[in-house]
Amino acid sequence: MKRLSLFLYYQFIWLTGCQDNSKEEKKFVLEDSIKDGDVILQETGQKPPHNYKIPYLDKFFALCSPG
């Protein structure tokens, strides 16, 4: 009986631990990320080497600089 109760207890803990508690996931919006100053690779539609635009790249290099 003790084994059965322990088994049921662990099953209950396992099932409650695997629940999805997120009510609503936030959708990714590119414009919000750009407004927040995130570094994002954007395609411009032009021919290489100008086919990508990277806003706020200077912030990325400042973060990666050794000191």
PDB file of N, CA and C in Angstrom:
ATOM      1  N   MET A   1       0.830  -1.197   0.000  1.00  0.00           N
ATOM      2  CA  MET A   1       0.000   0.000   0.000  1.00  0.00           C
ATOM      3  C   MET A   1       0.874   1.261   0.000  1.00  0.00           C
ATOM      4  N   LYS A   2       1.987   1.178   0.733  1.00  0.00           N
ATOM      5  CA  LYS A   2       2.869   2.330   0.805  1.00  0.00           C
ATOM      6  C   LYS A   2       3.494   2.623  -0.568  1.00  0.00           C
ATOM      7  N   ARG A   3       3.837   1.568  -1.306  1.00  0.00           N
ATOM      8  CA  ARG A   3       4.402   1.757  -2.635  1.00  0.00           C
ATOM      9  C   ARG A   3       3.387   2.398  -3.572  1.00  0.00           C
ATOM     10  N   LEU A   4       2.151   1.966  -3.482  1.00  0.00           N
ATOM     11  CA  LEU A   4       1.113   2.520  -4.338  1.00  0.00           C
ATOM     12  C   LEU A   4       0.880   3.995  -4.038  1.00  0.00           C
ATOM     13  N   SER A   5       0.853   4.349  -2.778  1.00  0.00           N
ATOM     14  CA  SER A   5       0.635   5.748  -2.424  1.00  0.00           C
ATOM     15  C   SER A   5       1.826   6.617  -2.855  1.00  0.00           C
ATOM     16  N   LEU A   6       3.051   6.098  -2.722  1.00  0.00           N
ATOM     17  CA  LEU A   6       4.214   6.842  -3.202  1.00  0.00           C
ATOM     18  C   LEU A   6       4.181   6.993  -4.722  1.00  0.00           C
ATOM     19  N   PHE A   7       3.793   5.942  -5.416  1.00  0.00           N
ATOM     20  CA  PHE A   7       3.686   6.001  -6.867  1.00  0.00           C
ATOM     21  C   PHE A   7       2.666   7.048  -7.287  1.00  0.00           C
ATOM     22  N   LEU A   8       1.513   7.067  -6.655  1.00  0.00           N
ATOM     23  CA  LEU A   8       0.476   8.046  -6.987  1.00  0.00           C
ATOM     24  C   LEU A   8       0.924   9.467  -6.643  1.00  0.00           C
ATOM     25  N   TYR A   9       1.629   9.602  -5.537  1.00  0.00           N
ATOM     26  CA  TYR A   9       2.134  10.906  -5.133  1.00  0.00           C
ATOM     27  C   TYR A   9       3.116  11.440  -6.181  1.00  0.00           C
ATOM     28  N   TYR A  10       4.059  10.611  -6.608  1.00  0.00           N
ATOM     29  CA  TYR A  10       5.027  11.047  -7.611  1.00  0.00           C
ATOM     30  C   TYR A  10       4.373  11.307  -8.965  1.00  0.00           C
ATOM     31  N   GLN A  11       3.367  10.549  -9.303  1.00  0.00           N
ATOM     32  CA  GLN A  11       2.644  10.806 -10.540  1.00  0.00           C
ATOM     33  C   GLN A  11       1.939  12.162 -10.479  1.00  0.00           C
ATOM     34  N   PHE A  12       1.359  12.476  -9.349  1.00  0.00           N
ATOM     35  CA  PHE A  12       0.690  13.770  -9.173  1.00  0.00           C
ATOM     36  C   PHE A  12       1.692  14.910  -9.287  1.00  0.00           C
ATOM     37  N   ILE A  13       2.840  14.778  -8.633  1.00  0.00           N
ATOM     38  CA  ILE A  13       3.876  15.812  -8.692  1.00  0.00           C
ATOM     39  C   ILE A  13       4.382  15.970 -10.123  1.00  0.00           C
ATOM     40  N   TRP A  14       4.586  14.843 -10.817  1.00  0.00           N
ATOM     41  CA  TRP A  14       5.083  14.889 -12.189  1.00  0.00           C
ATOM     42  C   TRP A  14       4.074  15.567 -13.110  1.00  0.00           C
ATOM     43  N   LEU A  15       2.800  15.250 -12.966  1.00  0.00           N
ATOM     44  CA  LEU A  15       1.778  15.833 -13.830  1.00  0.00           C
ATOM     45  C   LEU A  15       1.582  17.320 -13.565  1.00  0.00           C
ATOM     46  N   THR A  16       1.650  17.729 -12.316  1.00  0.00           N
ATOM     47  CA  THR A  16       1.486  19.155 -12.028  1.00  0.00           C
ATOM     48  C   THR A  16       2.717  19.939 -12.446  1.00  0.00           C
ATOM     49  N   GLY A  17       3.887  19.309 -12.451  1.00  0.00           N
ATOM     50  CA  GLY A  17       5.101  19.984 -12.884  1.00  0.00           C
ATOM     51  C   GLY A  17       5.162  20.177 -14.382  1.00  0.00           C
ATOM     52  N   CYS A  18       4.418  19.389 -15.129  1.00  0.00           N
ATOM     53  CA  CYS A  18       4.452  19.462 -16.597  1.00  0.00           C
ATOM     54  C   CYS A  18       3.336  20.322 -17.168  1.00  0.00           C
ATOM     55  N   GLN A  19       2.611  21.026 -16.324  1.00  0.00           N
ATOM     56  CA  GLN A  19       1.530  21.873 -16.824  1.00  0.00           C
ATOM     57  C   GLN A  19       2.093  23.111 -17.486  1.00  0.00           C
ATOM     58  N   ASP A  20       1.386  23.617 -18.476  1.00  0.00           N
ATOM     59  CA  ASP A  20       1.755  24.848 -19.150  1.00  0.00           C
ATOM     60  C   ASP A  20       1.040  25.994 -18.442  1.00  0.00           C
ATOM     61  N   ASN A  21       1.796  26.773 -17.685  1.00  0.00           N
ATOM     62  CA  ASN A  21       1.203  27.848 -16.889  1.00  0.00           C
ATOM     63  C   ASN A  21       1.145  29.175 -17.615  1.00  0.00           C
ATOM     64  N   SER A  22       1.708  29.244 -18.805  1.00  0.00           N
ATOM     65  CA  SER A  22       1.697  30.516 -19.520  1.00  0.00           C
ATOM     66  C   SER A  22       0.293  30.785 -20.063  1.00  0.00           C
ATOM     67  N   LYS A  23      -0.254  31.874 -19.647  1.00  0.00           N
ATOM     68  CA  LYS A  23      -1.605  32.240 -20.071  1.00  0.00           C
ATOM     69  C   LYS A  23      -1.618  32.704 -21.522  1.00  0.00           C
ATOM     70  N   GLU A  24      -0.693  33.582 -21.842  1.00  0.00           N
ATOM     71  CA  GLU A  24      -0.667  34.155 -23.180  1.00  0.00           C
ATOM     72  C   GLU A  24       0.782  34.443 -23.552  1.00  0.00           C
ATOM     73  N   GLU A  25       1.199  33.955 -24.692  1.00  0.00           N
ATOM     74  CA  GLU A  25       2.557  34.217 -25.137  1.00  0.00           C
ATOM     75  C   GLU A  25       2.605  35.548 -25.871  1.00  0.00           C
ATOM     76  N   LYS A  26       3.676  36.274 -25.645  1.00  0.00           N
ATOM     77  CA  LYS A  26       3.844  37.550 -26.318  1.00  0.00           C
ATOM     78  C   LYS A  26       4.333  37.297 -27.734  1.00  0.00           C
ATOM     79  N   LYS A  27       3.692  37.891 -28.691  1.00  0.00           N
ATOM     80  CA  LYS A  27       4.058  37.732 -30.094  1.00  0.00           C
ATOM     81  C   LYS A  27       5.272  38.598 -30.412  1.00  0.00           C
ATOM     82  N   PHE A  28       6.150  38.093 -31.272  1.00  0.00           N
ATOM     83  CA  PHE A  28       7.316  38.851 -31.705  1.00  0.00           C
ATOM     84  C   PHE A  28       6.891  39.854 -32.767  1.00  0.00           C
ATOM     85  N   VAL A  29       7.204  41.114 -32.527  1.00  0.00           N
ATOM     86  CA  VAL A  29       6.907  42.181 -33.478  1.00  0.00           C
ATOM     87  C   VAL A  29       8.223  42.881 -33.781  1.00  0.00           C
ATOM     88  N   LEU A  30       8.595  42.887 -35.049  1.00  0.00           N
ATOM     89  CA  LEU A  30       9.879  43.447 -35.473  1.00  0.00           C
ATOM     90  C   LEU A  30       9.984  44.927 -35.131  1.00  0.00           C
ATOM     91  N   GLU A  31       8.934  45.655 -35.319  1.00  0.00           N
ATOM     92  CA  GLU A  31       8.970  47.097 -35.061  1.00  0.00           C
ATOM     93  C   GLU A  31       9.222  47.386 -33.577  1.00  0.00           C
ATOM     94  N   ASP A  32       8.652  46.575 -32.695  1.00  0.00           N
ATOM     95  CA  ASP A  32       8.893  46.765 -31.260  1.00  0.00           C
ATOM     96  C   ASP A  32      10.348  46.498 -30.911  1.00  0.00           C
ATOM     97  N   SER A  33      10.946  45.509 -31.543  1.00  0.00           N
ATOM     98  CA  SER A  33      12.343  45.189 -31.274  1.00  0.00           C
ATOM     99  C   SER A  33      13.262  46.296 -31.752  1.00  0.00           C
ATOM    100  N   ILE A  34      12.965  46.859 -32.897  1.00  0.00           N
ATOM    101  CA  ILE A  34      13.770  47.962 -33.412  1.00  0.00           C
ATOM    102  C   ILE A  34      13.613  49.182 -32.513  1.00  0.00           C
ATOM    103  N   LYS A  35      12.394  49.441 -32.055  1.00  0.00           N
ATOM    104  CA  LYS A  35      12.139  50.575 -31.167  1.00  0.00           C
ATOM    105  C   LYS A  35      12.873  50.407 -29.834  1.00  0.00           C
ATOM    106  N   ASP A  36      13.028  49.136 -29.384  1.00  0.00           N
ATOM    107  CA  ASP A  36      13.724  48.859 -28.126  1.00  0.00           C
ATOM    108  C   ASP A  36      15.236  48.926 -28.271  1.00  0.00           C
ATOM    109  N   GLY A  37      15.734  49.013 -29.503  1.00  0.00           N
ATOM    110  CA  GLY A  37      17.168  49.120 -29.722  1.00  0.00           C
ATOM    111  C   GLY A  37      17.864  47.784 -29.871  1.00  0.00           C
ATOM    112  N   ASP A  38      17.155  46.738 -30.239  1.00  0.00           N
ATOM    113  CA  ASP A  38      17.762  45.423 -30.432  1.00  0.00           C
ATOM    114  C   ASP A  38      18.505  45.371 -31.757  1.00  0.00           C
ATOM    115  N   VAL A  39      19.553  44.546 -31.798  1.00  0.00           N
ATOM    116  CA  VAL A  39      20.322  44.357 -33.024  1.00  0.00           C
ATOM    117  C   VAL A  39      19.623  43.289 -33.855  1.00  0.00           C
ATOM    118  N   ILE A  40      19.161  43.680 -35.046  1.00  0.00           N
ATOM    119  CA  ILE A  40      18.387  42.783 -35.904  1.00  0.00           C
ATOM    120  C   ILE A  40      18.914  42.889 -37.324  1.00  0.00           C
ATOM    121  N   LEU A  41      19.029  41.759 -37.980  1.00  0.00           N
ATOM    122  CA  LEU A  41      19.447  41.724 -39.376  1.00  0.00           C
ATOM    123  C   LEU A  41      18.211  41.873 -40.247  1.00  0.00           C
ATOM    124  N   GLN A  42      18.155  42.950 -41.039  1.00  0.00           N
ATOM    125  CA  GLN A  42      17.004  43.219 -41.898  1.00  0.00           C
ATOM    126  C   GLN A  42      17.417  43.106 -43.357  1.00  0.00           C
ATOM    127  N   GLU A  43      16.600  42.449 -44.153  1.00  0.00           N
ATOM    128  CA  GLU A  43      16.861  42.339 -45.580  1.00  0.00           C
ATOM    129  C   GLU A  43      16.291  43.576 -46.268  1.00  0.00           C
ATOM    130  N   THR A  44      17.115  44.215 -47.140  1.00  0.00           N
ATOM    131  CA  THR A  44      16.679  45.443 -47.809  1.00  0.00           C
ATOM    132  C   THR A  44      16.134  45.194 -49.203  1.00  0.00           C
ATOM    133  N   GLY A  45      16.424  44.052 -49.801  1.00  0.00           N
ATOM    134  CA  GLY A  45      15.946  43.762 -51.139  1.00  0.00           C
ATOM    135  C   GLY A  45      16.879  44.238 -52.231  1.00  0.00           C
ATOM    136  N   GLN A  46      18.020  44.821 -51.863  1.00  0.00           N
ATOM    137  CA  GLN A  46      18.987  45.287 -52.852  1.00  0.00           C
ATOM    138  C   GLN A  46      19.974  44.167 -53.167  1.00  0.00           C
ATOM    139  N   LYS A  47      20.814  44.409 -54.170  1.00  0.00           N
ATOM    140  CA  LYS A  47      21.840  43.436 -54.532  1.00  0.00           C
ATOM    141  C   LYS A  47      23.004  43.509 -53.545  1.00  0.00           C
ATOM    142  N   PRO A  48      23.758  42.403 -53.397  1.00  0.00           N
ATOM    143  CA  PRO A  48      24.917  42.403 -52.493  1.00  0.00           C
ATOM    144  C   PRO A  48      25.915  43.462 -52.921  1.00  0.00           C
ATOM    145  N   PRO A  49      26.640  44.070 -52.080  1.00  0.00           N
ATOM    146  CA  PRO A  49      26.802  43.843 -50.649  1.00  0.00           C
ATOM    147  C   PRO A  49      25.839  44.660 -49.788  1.00  0.00           C
ATOM    148  N   HIS A  50      24.855  45.321 -50.387  1.00  0.00           N
ATOM    149  CA  HIS A  50      23.941  46.180 -49.626  1.00  0.00           C
ATOM    150  C   HIS A  50      22.581  45.520 -49.412  1.00  0.00           C
ATOM    151  N   ASN A  51      22.538  44.203 -49.330  1.00  0.00           N
ATOM    152  CA  ASN A  51      21.233  43.546 -49.218  1.00  0.00           C
ATOM    153  C   ASN A  51      20.775  43.375 -47.769  1.00  0.00           C
ATOM    154  N   TYR A  52      21.595  43.759 -46.794  1.00  0.00           N
ATOM    155  CA  TYR A  52      21.179  43.667 -45.396  1.00  0.00           C
ATOM    156  C   TYR A  52      21.470  44.966 -44.671  1.00  0.00           C
ATOM    157  N   LYS A  53      20.600  45.297 -43.744  1.00  0.00           N
ATOM    158  CA  LYS A  53      20.768  46.478 -42.896  1.00  0.00           C
ATOM    159  C   LYS A  53      20.758  45.982 -41.452  1.00  0.00           C
ATOM    160  N   ILE A  54      21.715  46.451 -40.654  1.00  0.00           N
ATOM    161  CA  ILE A  54      21.800  46.015 -39.265  1.00  0.00           C
ATOM    162  C   ILE A  54      21.761  47.251 -38.373  1.00  0.00           C
ATOM    163  N   PRO A  55      20.578  47.593 -37.842  1.00  0.00           N
ATOM    164  CA  PRO A  55      20.510  48.759 -36.948  1.00  0.00           C
ATOM    165  C   PRO A  55      21.124  48.446 -35.589  1.00  0.00           C
ATOM    166  N   TYR A  56      21.701  49.440 -34.958  1.00  0.00           N
ATOM    167  CA  TYR A  56      22.277  49.363 -33.618  1.00  0.00           C
ATOM    168  C   TYR A  56      23.444  48.382 -33.537  1.00  0.00           C
ATOM    169  N   LEU A  57      24.181  48.222 -34.631  1.00  0.00           N
ATOM    170  CA  LEU A  57      25.330  47.326 -34.625  1.00  0.00           C
ATOM    171  C   LEU A  57      26.443  47.872 -33.735  1.00  0.00           C
ATOM    172  N   ASP A  58      26.538  49.180 -33.601  1.00  0.00           N
ATOM    173  CA  ASP A  58      27.551  49.767 -32.737  1.00  0.00           C
ATOM    174  C   ASP A  58      27.345  49.352 -31.278  1.00  0.00           C
ATOM    175  N   LYS A  59      26.094  49.193 -30.851  1.00  0.00           N
ATOM    176  CA  LYS A  59      25.833  48.717 -29.482  1.00  0.00           C
ATOM    177  C   LYS A  59      26.324  47.289 -29.300  1.00  0.00           C
ATOM    178  N   PHE A  60      26.183  46.472 -30.347  1.00  0.00           N
ATOM    179  CA  PHE A  60      26.649  45.095 -30.275  1.00  0.00           C
ATOM    180  C   PHE A  60      28.169  45.046 -30.127  1.00  0.00           C
ATOM    181  N   PHE A  61      28.882  45.854 -30.923  1.00  0.00           N
ATOM    182  CA  PHE A  61      30.336  45.862 -30.833  1.00  0.00           C
ATOM    183  C   PHE A  61      30.811  46.440 -29.499  1.00  0.00           C
ATOM    184  N   ALA A  62      30.083  47.392 -28.959  1.00  0.00           N
ATOM    185  CA  ALA A  62      30.433  47.944 -27.646  1.00  0.00           C
ATOM    186  C   ALA A  62      30.261  46.881 -26.561  1.00  0.00           C
ATOM    187  N   LEU A  63      29.281  46.026 -26.718  1.00  0.00           N
ATOM    188  CA  LEU A  63      29.055  44.963 -25.755  1.00  0.00           C
ATOM    189  C   LEU A  63      30.144  43.892 -25.839  1.00  0.00           C
ATOM    190  N   CYS A  64      30.661  43.649 -27.044  1.00  0.00           N
ATOM    191  CA  CYS A  64      31.646  42.588 -27.262  1.00  0.00           C
ATOM    192  C   CYS A  64      33.085  43.067 -27.074  1.00  0.00           C
ATOM    193  N   SER A  65      33.292  44.351 -26.935  1.00  0.00           N
ATOM    194  CA  SER A  65      34.674  44.836 -26.814  1.00  0.00           C
ATOM    195  C   SER A  65      35.254  44.412 -25.462  1.00  0.00           C
ATOM    196  N   PRO A  66      36.560  44.095 -25.416  1.00  0.00           N
ATOM    197  CA  PRO A  66      37.150  43.542 -24.200  1.00  0.00           C
ATOM    198  C   PRO A  66      37.325  44.550 -23.074  1.00  0.00           C
ATOM    199  N   GLY A  67      37.130  45.781 -23.264  1.00  0.00           N
ATOM    200  CA  GLY A  67      37.278  46.634 -22.096  1.00  0.00           C
ATOM    201  C   GLY A  67      37.266  48.034 -22.421  1.00  0.00           C
TER     202      GLY A  67
END
